[in-house]
Amino acid sequence: MEVAINSRLYQQASAYAQKRGLNLTTVIENFLMRFVGTSKNATEQEVPDVVQSLLGAGEKVSEDDMNAREAYYEYLEEKYK
C-alpha cells in the first residue's frame, strides 16, 4: 500500500521523529492509533495493582466535571474560608 505525502511535510515529520529518537514509521503509527482510538496492546494491558487499589477511592465527581476541576476549586474554597 502506498500513501502520497507532501515532501516538505515528510521532511518536517522526519526531523521531528529524529529529534525525539524515534522512527518516522512509529510516529505515524502512533498518530493513526490515536486518530482511530486504538492502541497496539489495548487487549493485553492490565490495570496495575496500585490503580486497582484506588478504584472507588475519593469522592465521586459529577459527569460534566470529569477532570474534577470544579470539585477541586470547591475544595480549596472550603479549605481557605
N, C-alpha and C. Protein backbone atom coordinates (compact mmCIF):
# COMPACT_ATOMS: atom_id res chain seq x y z
N MET A 1 0.85 -1.17 0.00
CA MET A 1 0.00 0.00 0.00
C MET A 1 0.90 1.24 0.00
N GLU A 2 0.53 2.21 -0.80
CA GLU A 2 1.29 3.44 -0.87
C GLU A 2 0.44 4.61 -0.42
N VAL A 3 1.09 5.55 0.22
CA VAL A 3 0.42 6.77 0.65
C VAL A 3 1.25 7.94 0.14
N ALA A 4 0.62 8.88 -0.55
CA ALA A 4 1.33 10.06 -1.04
C ALA A 4 1.32 11.12 0.04
N ILE A 5 2.47 11.77 0.23
CA ILE A 5 2.58 12.81 1.24
C ILE A 5 3.45 13.94 0.69
N ASN A 6 3.12 15.14 1.04
CA ASN A 6 3.87 16.31 0.63
C ASN A 6 5.32 16.16 1.10
N SER A 7 6.29 16.40 0.23
CA SER A 7 7.70 16.18 0.58
C SER A 7 8.16 17.10 1.71
N ARG A 8 7.65 18.32 1.76
CA ARG A 8 8.03 19.24 2.83
C ARG A 8 7.50 18.72 4.19
N LEU A 9 6.26 18.26 4.18
CA LEU A 9 5.68 17.70 5.39
C LEU A 9 6.45 16.45 5.83
N TYR A 10 6.84 15.63 4.87
CA TYR A 10 7.62 14.44 5.17
C TYR A 10 8.94 14.81 5.85
N GLN A 11 9.61 15.83 5.32
CA GLN A 11 10.89 16.26 5.90
C GLN A 11 10.70 16.79 7.32
N GLN A 12 9.64 17.56 7.53
CA GLN A 12 9.37 18.09 8.87
C GLN A 12 9.07 16.96 9.85
N ALA A 13 8.26 16.01 9.43
CA ALA A 13 7.92 14.88 10.29
C ALA A 13 9.14 14.02 10.58
N SER A 14 9.97 13.85 9.58
CA SER A 14 11.19 13.07 9.76
C SER A 14 12.12 13.75 10.77
N ALA A 15 12.25 15.07 10.67
CA ALA A 15 13.08 15.83 11.61
C ALA A 15 12.51 15.73 13.03
N TYR A 16 11.19 15.82 13.14
CA TYR A 16 10.51 15.68 14.43
C TYR A 16 10.83 14.33 15.07
N ALA A 17 10.70 13.29 14.29
CA ALA A 17 10.96 11.93 14.79
C ALA A 17 12.42 11.78 15.19
N GLN A 18 13.31 12.30 14.36
CA GLN A 18 14.74 12.16 14.63
C GLN A 18 15.14 12.90 15.91
N LYS A 19 14.56 14.09 16.14
CA LYS A 19 14.86 14.85 17.36
C LYS A 19 14.48 14.08 18.62
N ARG A 20 13.44 13.27 18.49
CA ARG A 20 12.95 12.52 19.63
C ARG A 20 13.48 11.09 19.67
N GLY A 21 14.38 10.78 18.76
CA GLY A 21 14.98 9.46 18.73
C GLY A 21 14.02 8.37 18.32
N LEU A 22 13.07 8.73 17.46
CA LEU A 22 12.05 7.79 17.03
C LEU A 22 12.17 7.51 15.54
N ASN A 23 11.55 6.44 15.13
CA ASN A 23 11.44 6.08 13.73
C ASN A 23 10.19 6.78 13.20
N LEU A 24 10.24 7.35 12.01
CA LEU A 24 9.09 8.05 11.44
C LEU A 24 7.87 7.13 11.31
N THR A 25 8.11 5.89 10.98
CA THR A 25 7.01 4.93 10.88
C THR A 25 6.30 4.78 12.22
N THR A 26 7.06 4.73 13.31
CA THR A 26 6.48 4.62 14.64
C THR A 26 5.64 5.84 14.97
N VAL A 27 6.14 7.02 14.64
CA VAL A 27 5.39 8.26 14.90
C VAL A 27 4.07 8.25 14.15
N ILE A 28 4.12 7.87 12.89
CA ILE A 28 2.89 7.83 12.08
C ILE A 28 1.93 6.79 12.61
N GLU A 29 2.42 5.61 12.97
CA GLU A 29 1.55 4.56 13.51
C GLU A 29 0.90 5.02 14.82
N ASN A 30 1.67 5.67 15.69
CA ASN A 30 1.12 6.16 16.95
C ASN A 30 0.04 7.21 16.70
N PHE A 31 0.28 8.11 15.76
CA PHE A 31 -0.72 9.11 15.41
C PHE A 31 -2.00 8.45 14.92
N LEU A 32 -1.86 7.51 14.00
CA LEU A 32 -3.03 6.85 13.45
C LEU A 32 -3.79 6.05 14.50
N MET A 33 -3.07 5.43 15.44
CA MET A 33 -3.74 4.70 16.51
C MET A 33 -4.54 5.64 17.39
N ARG A 34 -3.99 6.81 17.67
CA ARG A 34 -4.74 7.81 18.45
C ARG A 34 -5.93 8.32 17.65
N PHE A 35 -5.74 8.50 16.37
CA PHE A 35 -6.79 9.01 15.49
C PHE A 35 -7.98 8.06 15.45
N VAL A 36 -7.71 6.77 15.35
CA VAL A 36 -8.80 5.79 15.28
C VAL A 36 -9.20 5.25 16.65
N GLY A 37 -8.46 5.64 17.69
CA GLY A 37 -8.84 5.28 19.05
C GLY A 37 -8.45 3.89 19.48
N THR A 38 -7.36 3.37 18.98
CA THR A 38 -6.90 2.05 19.41
C THR A 38 -5.44 2.14 19.79
N SER A 39 -4.95 1.10 20.44
CA SER A 39 -3.53 1.01 20.73
C SER A 39 -3.06 -0.40 20.43
N LYS A 40 -1.77 -0.56 20.28
CA LYS A 40 -1.22 -1.87 19.92
C LYS A 40 -1.58 -2.94 20.94
N ASN A 41 -1.44 -2.61 22.21
CA ASN A 41 -1.61 -3.60 23.26
C ASN A 41 -2.87 -3.37 24.09
N ALA A 42 -3.92 -2.83 23.48
CA ALA A 42 -5.12 -2.50 24.23
C ALA A 42 -5.72 -3.72 24.93
N THR A 43 -5.68 -4.87 24.29
CA THR A 43 -6.26 -6.05 24.90
C THR A 43 -5.30 -6.71 25.88
N GLU A 44 -4.01 -6.41 25.74
CA GLU A 44 -3.02 -7.05 26.59
C GLU A 44 -2.72 -6.25 27.86
N GLN A 45 -3.15 -4.99 27.91
CA GLN A 45 -2.84 -4.16 29.06
C GLN A 45 -3.66 -4.58 30.27
N GLU A 46 -2.98 -4.67 31.40
CA GLU A 46 -3.66 -4.96 32.65
C GLU A 46 -3.58 -3.73 33.53
N VAL A 47 -4.56 -3.59 34.39
CA VAL A 47 -4.55 -2.47 35.32
C VAL A 47 -3.63 -2.84 36.47
N PRO A 48 -2.64 -1.98 36.77
CA PRO A 48 -1.71 -2.28 37.86
C PRO A 48 -2.43 -2.39 39.20
N ASP A 49 -1.85 -3.17 40.12
CA ASP A 49 -2.45 -3.36 41.44
C ASP A 49 -2.65 -2.04 42.18
N VAL A 50 -1.71 -1.12 42.02
CA VAL A 50 -1.82 0.18 42.69
C VAL A 50 -3.07 0.91 42.23
N VAL A 51 -3.33 0.88 40.93
CA VAL A 51 -4.51 1.55 40.39
C VAL A 51 -5.77 0.81 40.84
N GLN A 52 -5.73 -0.50 40.83
CA GLN A 52 -6.87 -1.28 41.30
C GLN A 52 -7.24 -0.92 42.73
N SER A 53 -6.22 -0.70 43.56
CA SER A 53 -6.49 -0.37 44.96
C SER A 53 -7.12 1.00 45.11
N LEU A 54 -6.95 1.87 44.12
CA LEU A 54 -7.51 3.22 44.19
C LEU A 54 -8.91 3.32 43.62
N LEU A 55 -9.36 2.31 42.92
CA LEU A 55 -10.69 2.36 42.34
C LEU A 55 -11.74 2.53 43.43
N GLY A 56 -12.58 3.50 43.26
CA GLY A 56 -13.62 3.77 44.24
C GLY A 56 -13.17 4.67 45.37
N ALA A 57 -11.89 5.02 45.42
CA ALA A 57 -11.40 5.90 46.47
C ALA A 57 -11.79 7.34 46.15
N GLY A 58 -11.98 8.13 47.17
CA GLY A 58 -12.30 9.54 46.99
C GLY A 58 -13.78 9.76 46.77
N GLU A 59 -14.11 11.04 46.64
CA GLU A 59 -15.50 11.40 46.43
C GLU A 59 -15.82 11.39 44.95
N LYS A 60 -17.05 11.05 44.65
CA LYS A 60 -17.50 11.00 43.27
C LYS A 60 -17.67 12.42 42.74
N VAL A 61 -17.31 12.64 41.49
CA VAL A 61 -17.50 13.94 40.86
C VAL A 61 -18.60 13.82 39.82
N SER A 62 -19.18 14.96 39.46
CA SER A 62 -20.28 14.94 38.50
C SER A 62 -19.77 14.55 37.11
N GLU A 63 -20.68 14.06 36.28
CA GLU A 63 -20.32 13.60 34.94
C GLU A 63 -19.77 14.72 34.07
N ASP A 64 -20.25 15.96 34.26
CA ASP A 64 -19.78 17.07 33.43
C ASP A 64 -18.48 17.69 33.95
N ASP A 65 -17.94 17.17 35.05
CA ASP A 65 -16.69 17.66 35.62
C ASP A 65 -15.71 16.50 35.78
N MET A 66 -15.47 15.79 34.67
CA MET A 66 -14.68 14.57 34.74
C MET A 66 -13.23 14.81 35.15
N ASN A 67 -12.68 15.98 34.88
CA ASN A 67 -11.31 16.23 35.32
C ASN A 67 -11.29 16.82 36.73
N ALA A 68 -12.45 16.97 37.34
CA ALA A 68 -12.62 17.36 38.74
C ALA A 68 -12.11 18.76 39.07
N ARG A 69 -12.04 19.63 38.09
CA ARG A 69 -11.60 21.00 38.35
C ARG A 69 -12.55 21.72 39.29
N GLU A 70 -13.84 21.64 38.97
CA GLU A 70 -14.82 22.33 39.81
C GLU A 70 -14.78 21.78 41.23
N ALA A 71 -14.70 20.48 41.36
CA ALA A 71 -14.65 19.88 42.69
C ALA A 71 -13.40 20.33 43.43
N TYR A 72 -12.29 20.45 42.74
CA TYR A 72 -11.05 20.89 43.37
C TYR A 72 -11.15 22.33 43.84
N TYR A 73 -11.72 23.20 42.99
CA TYR A 73 -11.87 24.59 43.38
C TYR A 73 -12.84 24.74 44.55
N GLU A 74 -13.89 23.94 44.56
CA GLU A 74 -14.81 23.96 45.70
C GLU A 74 -14.09 23.52 46.97
N TYR A 75 -13.24 22.52 46.87
CA TYR A 75 -12.45 22.05 47.99
C TYR A 75 -11.55 23.17 48.51
N LEU A 76 -10.87 23.87 47.59
CA LEU A 76 -9.98 24.96 48.00
C LEU A 76 -10.75 26.10 48.65
N GLU A 77 -11.90 26.43 48.09
CA GLU A 77 -12.71 27.49 48.69
C GLU A 77 -13.11 27.12 50.11
N GLU A 78 -13.52 25.89 50.29
CA GLU A 78 -13.92 25.44 51.63
C GLU A 78 -12.72 25.41 52.59
N LYS A 79 -11.59 25.00 52.10
CA LYS A 79 -10.39 24.88 52.92
C LYS A 79 -9.91 26.25 53.40
N TYR A 80 -9.96 27.24 52.54
CA TYR A 80 -9.39 28.54 52.87
C TYR A 80 -10.44 29.59 53.24
N LYS A 81 -11.57 29.17 53.75
CA LYS A 81 -12.60 30.12 54.22
C LYS A 81 -12.15 30.78 55.50
